[in-house]
N, C-alpha and C. Protein backbone atom coordinates (compact mmCIF):
# COMPACT_ATOMS: atom_id res chain seq x y z
N MET A 1 -6.31 11.39 28.31
CA MET A 1 -7.51 10.17 27.90
C MET A 1 -6.52 8.88 27.33
N SER A 2 -6.98 8.04 27.75
CA SER A 2 -6.35 6.62 27.00
C SER A 2 -7.28 6.26 26.07
N ASP A 3 -6.56 6.04 24.79
CA ASP A 3 -7.62 5.27 23.78
C ASP A 3 -7.58 3.99 23.16
N TYR A 4 -8.39 3.31 24.60
CA TYR A 4 -9.31 2.01 24.72
C TYR A 4 -10.54 1.93 24.92
N GLN A 5 -10.92 0.64 24.72
CA GLN A 5 -12.55 0.62 24.59
C GLN A 5 -12.25 -1.13 24.82
N VAL A 6 -13.57 -1.54 25.84
CA VAL A 6 -13.66 -2.89 26.61
C VAL A 6 -15.15 -3.13 25.75
N THR A 7 -15.16 -4.53 25.79
CA THR A 7 -16.77 -4.47 25.40
C THR A 7 -16.98 -6.54 25.48
N GLN A 8 -17.95 -6.94 25.81
CA GLN A 8 -18.00 -8.45 25.87
C GLN A 8 -19.07 -8.78 25.03
N ILE A 9 -18.24 -10.00 24.59
CA ILE A 9 -18.93 -10.65 23.51
C ILE A 9 -19.58 -12.31 23.97
N GLY A 10 -19.20 -12.56 24.91
CA GLY A 10 -20.36 -13.53 25.72
C GLY A 10 -19.38 -14.89 26.09
N ALA A 11 -19.68 -15.83 26.49
CA ALA A 11 -18.89 -16.77 26.70
C ALA A 11 -19.62 -17.49 25.38
N LEU A 12 -18.66 -18.44 24.97
CA LEU A 12 -18.63 -19.25 23.61
C LEU A 12 -19.84 -19.67 23.03
N ASP A 13 -20.41 -21.06 24.42
CA ASP A 13 -21.95 -20.82 23.86
C ASP A 13 -22.82 -19.90 23.90
N GLN A 14 -22.91 -18.70 24.19
CA GLN A 14 -23.64 -17.57 24.05
C GLN A 14 -23.69 -17.14 22.47
N TRP A 15 -22.39 -17.42 21.80
CA TRP A 15 -22.57 -16.88 21.00
C TRP A 15 -23.12 -17.16 19.32
N ARG A 16 -24.06 -17.95 19.58
CA ARG A 16 -25.01 -18.06 18.89
C ARG A 16 -26.59 -17.45 18.84
N GLY A 17 -26.52 -16.70 19.96
CA GLY A 17 -27.35 -15.92 20.24
C GLY A 17 -27.06 -15.00 19.44
N HIS A 18 -25.70 -14.50 19.27
CA HIS A 18 -25.64 -12.89 18.33
C HIS A 18 -26.24 -12.85 16.66
N PHE A 19 -27.06 -12.29 16.02
CA PHE A 19 -27.55 -11.78 14.72
C PHE A 19 -27.24 -10.79 14.70
N GLY A 20 -25.77 -10.84 13.72
CA GLY A 20 -25.24 -9.33 12.79
C GLY A 20 -24.97 -10.09 11.66
N GLY A 21 -24.07 -8.72 11.27
CA GLY A 21 -23.07 -9.24 9.51
C GLY A 21 -22.77 -7.47 9.20
N PHE A 22 -22.37 -7.53 7.72
CA PHE A 22 -21.60 -6.52 7.98
C PHE A 22 -23.44 -5.29 7.05
N VAL A 23 -23.82 -6.05 6.49
CA VAL A 23 -25.31 -5.16 6.01
C VAL A 23 -26.22 -5.79 6.47
N GLU A 24 -27.32 -5.04 6.95
CA GLU A 24 -28.25 -5.89 7.11
C GLU A 24 -28.88 -6.76 6.39
N SER A 25 -29.44 -6.55 5.27
CA SER A 25 -29.73 -8.07 4.28
C SER A 25 -29.12 -9.33 4.37
N ARG A 26 -27.87 -8.96 4.90
CA ARG A 26 -26.94 -10.32 5.23
C ARG A 26 -26.62 -10.80 6.31
N SER A 27 -27.31 -10.64 7.31
CA SER A 27 -27.31 -10.53 8.89
C SER A 27 -27.72 -12.11 9.17
N ARG A 28 -26.99 -12.78 10.00
CA ARG A 28 -27.84 -14.22 9.86
C ARG A 28 -27.46 -14.10 11.83
N ASP A 29 -27.73 -15.72 12.00
CA ASP A 29 -27.88 -15.52 13.30
C ASP A 29 -26.10 -16.19 13.90
N GLY A 30 -25.56 -15.68 14.47
CA GLY A 30 -24.18 -16.71 15.10
C GLY A 30 -23.12 -15.77 13.96
N ARG A 31 -23.30 -14.59 14.32
CA ARG A 31 -22.60 -13.56 13.91
C ARG A 31 -22.60 -12.53 14.48
N ARG A 32 -21.42 -12.02 14.82
CA ARG A 32 -21.56 -10.48 15.25
C ARG A 32 -20.18 -9.68 14.84
N VAL A 33 -20.03 -8.70 14.80
CA VAL A 33 -19.05 -7.80 13.82
C VAL A 33 -18.78 -6.55 14.99
N VAL A 34 -17.44 -7.34 15.80
CA VAL A 34 -17.08 -6.52 16.56
C VAL A 34 -17.06 -5.21 16.50
N ASP A 35 -15.92 -5.22 15.33
CA ASP A 35 -15.40 -3.77 14.89
C ASP A 35 -16.53 -3.00 14.82
N HIS A 36 -17.68 -2.92 14.40
CA HIS A 36 -18.95 -1.99 14.36
C HIS A 36 -19.35 -1.68 15.59
N GLU A 37 -18.99 -2.33 16.81
CA GLU A 37 -19.38 -1.90 17.98
C GLU A 37 -18.12 -1.12 18.60
N LEU A 38 -16.84 -1.31 18.01
CA LEU A 38 -15.55 -0.52 18.90
C LEU A 38 -14.76 -0.31 17.79
N THR A 39 -14.48 1.58 17.84
CA THR A 39 -13.26 2.45 17.33
C THR A 39 -12.19 1.78 16.67
N MET A 40 -12.38 0.25 15.63
CA MET A 40 -11.34 -0.31 15.08
C MET A 40 -11.06 0.65 13.96
N GLN A 41 -9.63 0.65 13.78
CA GLN A 41 -8.73 1.57 12.05
C GLN A 41 -8.31 0.71 11.77
N TYR A 42 -7.75 -0.20 12.27
CA TYR A 42 -6.87 -1.30 11.34
C TYR A 42 -6.60 -2.68 11.06
N ILE A 43 -8.03 -3.29 12.03
CA ILE A 43 -8.38 -4.92 12.26
C ILE A 43 -9.80 -4.69 12.14
N GLY A 44 -10.10 -5.56 12.16
CA GLY A 44 -11.58 -5.98 12.17
C GLY A 44 -11.59 -7.57 12.86
N LEU A 45 -12.71 -7.40 13.49
CA LEU A 45 -13.16 -9.32 14.12
C LEU A 45 -14.26 -9.41 14.60
N THR A 46 -14.94 -10.93 14.06
CA THR A 46 -15.85 -11.01 13.64
C THR A 46 -16.16 -12.61 15.01
N ALA A 47 -17.71 -12.40 15.84
CA ALA A 47 -17.47 -13.76 16.65
C ALA A 47 -18.64 -14.66 15.66
N ASN A 48 -18.24 -16.21 15.54
CA ASN A 48 -19.48 -16.94 14.54
C ASN A 48 -18.65 -17.92 15.18
N ALA A 49 -20.41 -18.19 14.92
CA ALA A 49 -21.35 -19.83 15.88
C ALA A 49 -21.78 -20.05 14.98
N LEU A 50 -21.74 -21.80 14.06
CA LEU A 50 -22.42 -22.09 12.90
C LEU A 50 -23.15 -23.72 13.59
N VAL A 51 -24.55 -24.30 13.65
CA VAL A 51 -25.10 -25.55 13.93
C VAL A 51 -24.31 -26.37 13.42
N PRO A 52 -24.16 -28.01 13.69
CA PRO A 52 -23.26 -28.59 13.02
C PRO A 52 -24.36 -28.97 11.86
N GLY A 53 -23.74 -29.17 10.34
CA GLY A 53 -24.96 -28.98 8.89
C GLY A 53 -24.44 -27.38 8.22
N GLU A 54 -24.13 -26.57 9.12
CA GLU A 54 -24.74 -24.95 8.91
C GLU A 54 -23.46 -25.25 8.34
N GLU A 55 -23.47 -24.16 7.02
CA GLU A 55 -22.57 -23.47 5.65
C GLU A 55 -22.75 -21.94 5.59
N ALA A 56 -22.21 -21.30 5.30
CA ALA A 56 -21.34 -19.96 4.76
C ALA A 56 -23.08 -19.76 4.20
N GLY A 57 -22.64 -20.53 3.03
CA GLY A 57 -23.80 -20.21 2.04
C GLY A 57 -23.41 -19.38 0.74
N TYR A 58 -22.26 -19.37 0.63
CA TYR A 58 -21.54 -18.29 -0.21
C TYR A 58 -19.96 -18.06 -0.27
N TRP A 59 -19.30 -18.38 -1.15
CA TRP A 59 -17.95 -17.52 -1.33
C TRP A 59 -17.38 -16.55 -1.41
N HIS A 60 -16.36 -15.85 -1.07
CA HIS A 60 -16.23 -14.46 -1.11
C HIS A 60 -14.09 -14.42 -1.21
N LYS A 61 -14.21 -12.93 -1.37
CA LYS A 61 -12.52 -13.12 -1.55
C LYS A 61 -12.08 -11.21 -0.68
N HIS A 62 -10.77 -11.15 -0.77
CA HIS A 62 -10.77 -9.99 -0.34
C HIS A 62 -9.51 -9.65 -1.36
N ASP A 63 -9.55 -8.71 -2.05
CA ASP A 63 -8.48 -7.90 -2.44
C ASP A 63 -7.57 -7.55 -1.58
N ARG A 64 -7.88 -7.04 -0.70
CA ARG A 64 -6.85 -6.28 -0.19
C ARG A 64 -6.59 -6.73 1.26
N ILE A 65 -7.65 -7.46 1.53
CA ILE A 65 -7.73 -7.65 3.39
C ILE A 65 -7.32 -8.62 3.03
N GLU A 66 -6.90 -9.36 4.79
CA GLU A 66 -5.73 -10.41 4.77
C GLU A 66 -7.25 -11.33 5.78
N GLU A 67 -6.84 -12.01 5.99
CA GLU A 67 -8.19 -13.07 7.20
C GLU A 67 -7.34 -14.19 7.83
N LEU A 68 -7.63 -13.86 9.28
CA LEU A 68 -6.96 -15.13 9.92
C LEU A 68 -8.21 -15.58 10.80
N TYR A 69 -8.31 -17.38 10.06
CA TYR A 69 -9.87 -17.93 10.97
C TYR A 69 -8.78 -18.54 12.27
N VAL A 70 -9.77 -18.25 13.41
CA VAL A 70 -8.94 -18.63 14.87
C VAL A 70 -10.13 -20.23 15.76
N PHE A 71 -10.60 -20.93 15.48
CA PHE A 71 -10.93 -22.20 15.34
C PHE A 71 -11.31 -22.26 17.26
N LEU A 72 -11.97 -22.09 17.73
CA LEU A 72 -12.26 -22.40 19.15
C LEU A 72 -12.47 -23.69 19.44
N GLU A 73 -13.98 -24.10 19.19
CA GLU A 73 -14.72 -25.71 19.44
C GLU A 73 -15.16 -26.12 17.83
N GLY A 74 -16.15 -27.05 18.35
CA GLY A 74 -16.35 -27.72 16.84
C GLY A 74 -15.66 -28.60 15.80
N LEU A 75 -16.45 -29.32 15.13
CA LEU A 75 -16.09 -29.34 13.69
C LEU A 75 -15.98 -28.88 12.53
N GLY A 76 -15.07 -28.29 11.43
CA GLY A 76 -15.53 -28.07 10.60
C GLY A 76 -14.76 -27.91 9.33
N GLN A 77 -15.09 -27.17 8.25
CA GLN A 77 -14.38 -26.97 7.26
C GLN A 77 -14.20 -26.40 6.51
N MET A 78 -13.31 -25.61 5.61
CA MET A 78 -13.37 -24.23 5.02
C MET A 78 -13.19 -25.09 3.58
N GLY A 79 -12.92 -23.69 2.43
CA GLY A 79 -13.14 -24.65 0.90
C GLY A 79 -11.79 -23.19 0.84
N LEU A 80 -11.40 -23.52 0.08
CA LEU A 80 -10.05 -22.21 0.15
C LEU A 80 -9.12 -22.72 -1.15
N ASP A 81 -10.02 -21.76 -2.16
CA ASP A 81 -9.39 -22.35 -3.86
C ASP A 81 -10.27 -23.08 -4.08
N ASP A 82 -9.78 -24.23 -4.38
CA ASP A 82 -10.03 -26.02 -5.06
C ASP A 82 -9.42 -26.77 -3.92
N VAL A 83 -9.36 -26.28 -2.56
CA VAL A 83 -8.77 -27.21 -1.67
C VAL A 83 -9.88 -26.63 -0.31
N VAL A 84 -10.36 -28.66 0.42
CA VAL A 84 -10.91 -28.40 1.50
C VAL A 84 -9.91 -28.67 2.62
N VAL A 85 -10.13 -27.68 3.72
CA VAL A 85 -9.10 -28.24 4.71
C VAL A 85 -10.08 -28.63 6.28
N ASP A 86 -9.65 -29.27 6.40
CA ASP A 86 -10.62 -30.23 7.96
C ASP A 86 -9.85 -28.96 9.11
N VAL A 87 -10.76 -28.13 9.71
CA VAL A 87 -10.63 -27.66 11.21
C VAL A 87 -11.06 -27.76 12.21
N GLU A 88 -10.48 -27.94 13.85
CA GLU A 88 -11.15 -28.24 14.88
C GLU A 88 -10.79 -27.36 16.12
N PRO A 89 -10.86 -27.32 17.12
CA PRO A 89 -10.37 -26.31 17.91
C PRO A 89 -8.80 -26.49 18.52
N GLY A 90 -8.39 -24.86 18.09
CA GLY A 90 -6.67 -25.12 17.85
C GLY A 90 -6.28 -25.10 16.22
N SER A 91 -7.21 -25.11 15.36
CA SER A 91 -6.91 -24.45 13.85
C SER A 91 -6.61 -22.75 13.53
N VAL A 92 -5.65 -22.76 13.16
CA VAL A 92 -5.77 -21.53 12.54
C VAL A 92 -5.39 -20.72 11.14
N VAL A 93 -6.27 -20.46 10.78
CA VAL A 93 -6.17 -20.49 8.84
C VAL A 93 -5.86 -19.23 8.85
N ARG A 94 -4.85 -18.50 7.79
CA ARG A 94 -4.58 -17.55 7.28
C ARG A 94 -4.75 -17.92 5.86
N VAL A 95 -5.49 -16.71 5.46
CA VAL A 95 -6.34 -16.75 3.83
C VAL A 95 -5.37 -15.10 3.37
N GLY A 96 -4.74 -15.63 2.22
CA GLY A 96 -4.52 -13.87 1.89
C GLY A 96 -5.52 -13.73 0.72
N GLN A 97 -4.88 -12.12 0.28
CA GLN A 97 -5.75 -11.64 -0.68
C GLN A 97 -6.08 -12.46 -1.99
N GLY A 98 -7.42 -12.69 -2.55
CA GLY A 98 -7.09 -13.54 -3.27
C GLY A 98 -7.93 -14.49 -4.02
N VAL A 99 -7.69 -15.17 -2.59
CA VAL A 99 -7.86 -16.72 -2.02
C VAL A 99 -9.47 -16.72 -1.87
N TRP A 100 -10.27 -17.39 -2.69
CA TRP A 100 -12.07 -18.11 -2.84
C TRP A 100 -12.16 -19.10 -0.87
N ARG A 101 -12.82 -18.50 -0.51
CA ARG A 101 -13.41 -18.85 1.30
C ARG A 101 -14.39 -19.27 0.99
N THR A 102 -14.56 -20.06 1.78
CA THR A 102 -16.06 -20.53 2.39
C THR A 102 -15.30 -21.66 3.69
N TRP A 103 -17.09 -21.93 4.32
CA TRP A 103 -16.52 -22.69 5.07
C TRP A 103 -18.21 -22.97 5.55
N ARG A 104 -17.97 -24.33 6.48
CA ARG A 104 -18.95 -25.44 7.20
C ARG A 104 -18.75 -25.83 8.13
N ALA A 105 -19.85 -25.93 9.24
CA ALA A 105 -20.08 -26.85 10.42
C ALA A 105 -20.29 -27.92 9.67
N ARG A 106 -19.48 -29.20 10.06
CA ARG A 106 -19.50 -30.62 9.36
C ARG A 106 -20.68 -31.01 9.83
N PRO A 107 -21.32 -31.56 9.82
CA PRO A 107 -22.63 -32.10 9.88
C PRO A 107 -23.12 -33.65 11.75
N ASP A 108 -21.30 -34.19 11.79
CA ASP A 108 -21.01 -34.74 12.42
C ASP A 108 -20.27 -34.03 13.93
N SER A 109 -19.89 -32.75 13.69
CA SER A 109 -19.42 -32.00 14.73
C SER A 109 -20.17 -32.42 16.04
N PRO A 110 -19.56 -32.21 17.02
CA PRO A 110 -20.30 -32.94 18.68
C PRO A 110 -21.29 -31.44 19.36
N GLY A 111 -20.83 -30.74 18.41
CA GLY A 111 -21.45 -29.10 18.75
C GLY A 111 -21.17 -28.33 17.83
N GLU A 112 -21.19 -26.66 18.22
CA GLU A 112 -21.58 -26.01 17.35
C GLU A 112 -20.06 -25.29 16.82
N LEU A 113 -19.92 -25.02 15.05
CA LEU A 113 -18.60 -24.58 15.36
C LEU A 113 -18.29 -23.32 15.24
N ARG A 114 -17.61 -23.07 16.54
CA ARG A 114 -17.04 -21.56 16.74
C ARG A 114 -15.81 -20.75 16.23
N TRP A 115 -15.84 -19.83 16.21
CA TRP A 115 -13.74 -19.02 15.50
C TRP A 115 -14.20 -17.75 15.51
N LEU A 116 -13.08 -17.10 16.08
CA LEU A 116 -12.84 -15.52 15.91
C LEU A 116 -12.54 -15.28 13.92
N CYS A 117 -12.82 -14.10 13.22
CA CYS A 117 -12.34 -14.29 12.22
C CYS A 117 -11.67 -12.56 12.45
N ILE A 118 -10.33 -12.58 12.48
CA ILE A 118 -9.91 -11.23 11.83
C ILE A 118 -9.66 -10.41 10.97
N ARG A 119 -9.36 -9.85 10.85
CA ARG A 119 -9.35 -8.48 9.06
C ARG A 119 -8.19 -8.00 9.93
N ALA A 120 -7.14 -8.03 8.81
CA ALA A 120 -6.73 -6.96 8.45
C ALA A 120 -5.78 -6.24 7.27
N GLY A 121 -5.33 -4.99 6.79
CA GLY A 121 -5.59 -4.43 5.92
C GLY A 121 -3.65 -3.46 6.14
N GLY A 122 -3.48 -2.70 5.40
CA GLY A 122 -2.26 -2.39 5.16
C GLY A 122 -1.30 -2.28 4.64
N GLU A 123 -0.30 -1.54 5.97
CA GLU A 123 0.68 -2.30 5.59
C GLU A 123 1.41 -3.58 6.21
N GLU A 124 2.37 -3.85 5.60
CA GLU A 124 2.99 -4.97 6.16
C GLU A 124 3.41 -5.29 7.17
N LEU A 125 3.42 -6.34 8.34
CA LEU A 125 3.38 -6.40 9.46
C LEU A 125 5.28 -5.92 9.38
N PRO A 126 6.19 -6.00 10.69
CA PRO A 126 7.41 -6.07 10.96
C PRO A 126 7.61 -7.58 11.21
N HIS A 127 8.54 -8.03 11.61
CA HIS A 127 9.01 -9.21 11.83
C HIS A 127 8.65 -9.40 13.52
N LEU A 128 9.36 -8.27 14.41
CA LEU A 128 9.13 -7.94 15.43
C LEU A 128 8.70 -6.51 16.01
N PRO A 129 7.73 -6.53 15.97
CA PRO A 129 7.26 -4.66 16.46
C PRO A 129 8.67 -3.72 16.67
N ASN A 130 8.10 -2.88 15.58
CA ASN A 130 9.33 -1.77 15.64
C ASN A 130 8.43 -0.31 16.27
N ASP A 131 7.60 -0.37 16.78
CA ASP A 131 6.43 1.03 17.19
C ASP A 131 6.36 0.91 18.62
N SER A 132 7.13 0.64 19.22
CA SER A 132 6.51 -0.04 20.34
C SER A 132 8.17 0.40 21.53
N SER A 133 7.64 1.12 22.29
CA SER A 133 8.69 1.28 24.05
C SER A 133 8.42 0.45 25.36
N ARG A 134 9.30 0.43 25.87
CA ARG A 134 9.00 -0.03 27.24
C ARG A 134 9.58 1.16 28.38
N ASP A 135 9.20 0.60 29.49
CA ASP A 135 8.89 1.16 30.70
C ASP A 135 9.17 0.57 32.07
N PRO A 136 10.89 0.02 31.95
CA PRO A 136 10.96 -0.76 33.04
C PRO A 136 10.80 0.21 34.56
N GLU A 137 10.94 1.28 34.83
CA GLU A 137 10.32 1.77 35.67
C GLU A 137 8.74 1.95 36.58
N ARG A 138 7.95 1.80 35.26
CA ARG A 138 7.04 1.78 35.62
C ARG A 138 6.25 0.63 36.58
N PRO A 139 6.05 0.68 37.75
CA PRO A 139 5.25 -0.58 38.86
C PRO A 139 3.99 -0.93 37.75
N MET A 140 3.82 -2.24 38.18
CA MET A 140 3.16 -2.54 37.97
C MET A 140 1.72 -2.38 38.76
N PRO A 141 0.52 -2.59 38.07
CA PRO A 141 -1.21 -2.16 38.40
C PRO A 141 -1.83 -2.67 39.52
N TRP A 142 -1.22 -4.39 39.62
CA TRP A 142 -1.67 -5.50 40.01
C TRP A 142 -1.67 -5.02 41.80
N VAL A 143 -2.78 -5.29 42.34
CA VAL A 143 -3.11 -4.92 44.14
C VAL A 143 -2.86 -5.94 44.51
N ASN A 144 -2.10 -6.26 45.29
CA ASN A 144 -2.24 -8.05 45.46
C ASN A 144 -2.67 -8.18 46.90
């Protein structure tokens, strides 16, 4: 048996309909904690959507976790310690341990701010994956 799972998080315009969070008391519209649905061991993933003018409403930092924010739609801003960074589709922001962070959808955003937040911790990643192997003889699975 193979060790994989598949889920659907919906099209970007459906993300606002998600309701979730890490704990029930802090759950909100526009958040889906995908790693609570899949058996993830080393990485975490949330799918997020804020309406124009909406903000996180809190600051947070991590001592061991590193986060990667991948912005897909809308205009927003991230507070990173004492700096405000503008974000838009295609912006990718890595936030290391110990950095205070918060975010908002700008009031003038043409639509919802939508992004993925990828969380990881543990061992440092090698520059080139050193735990893979290739099988050039194995046929491709695509049926023409």
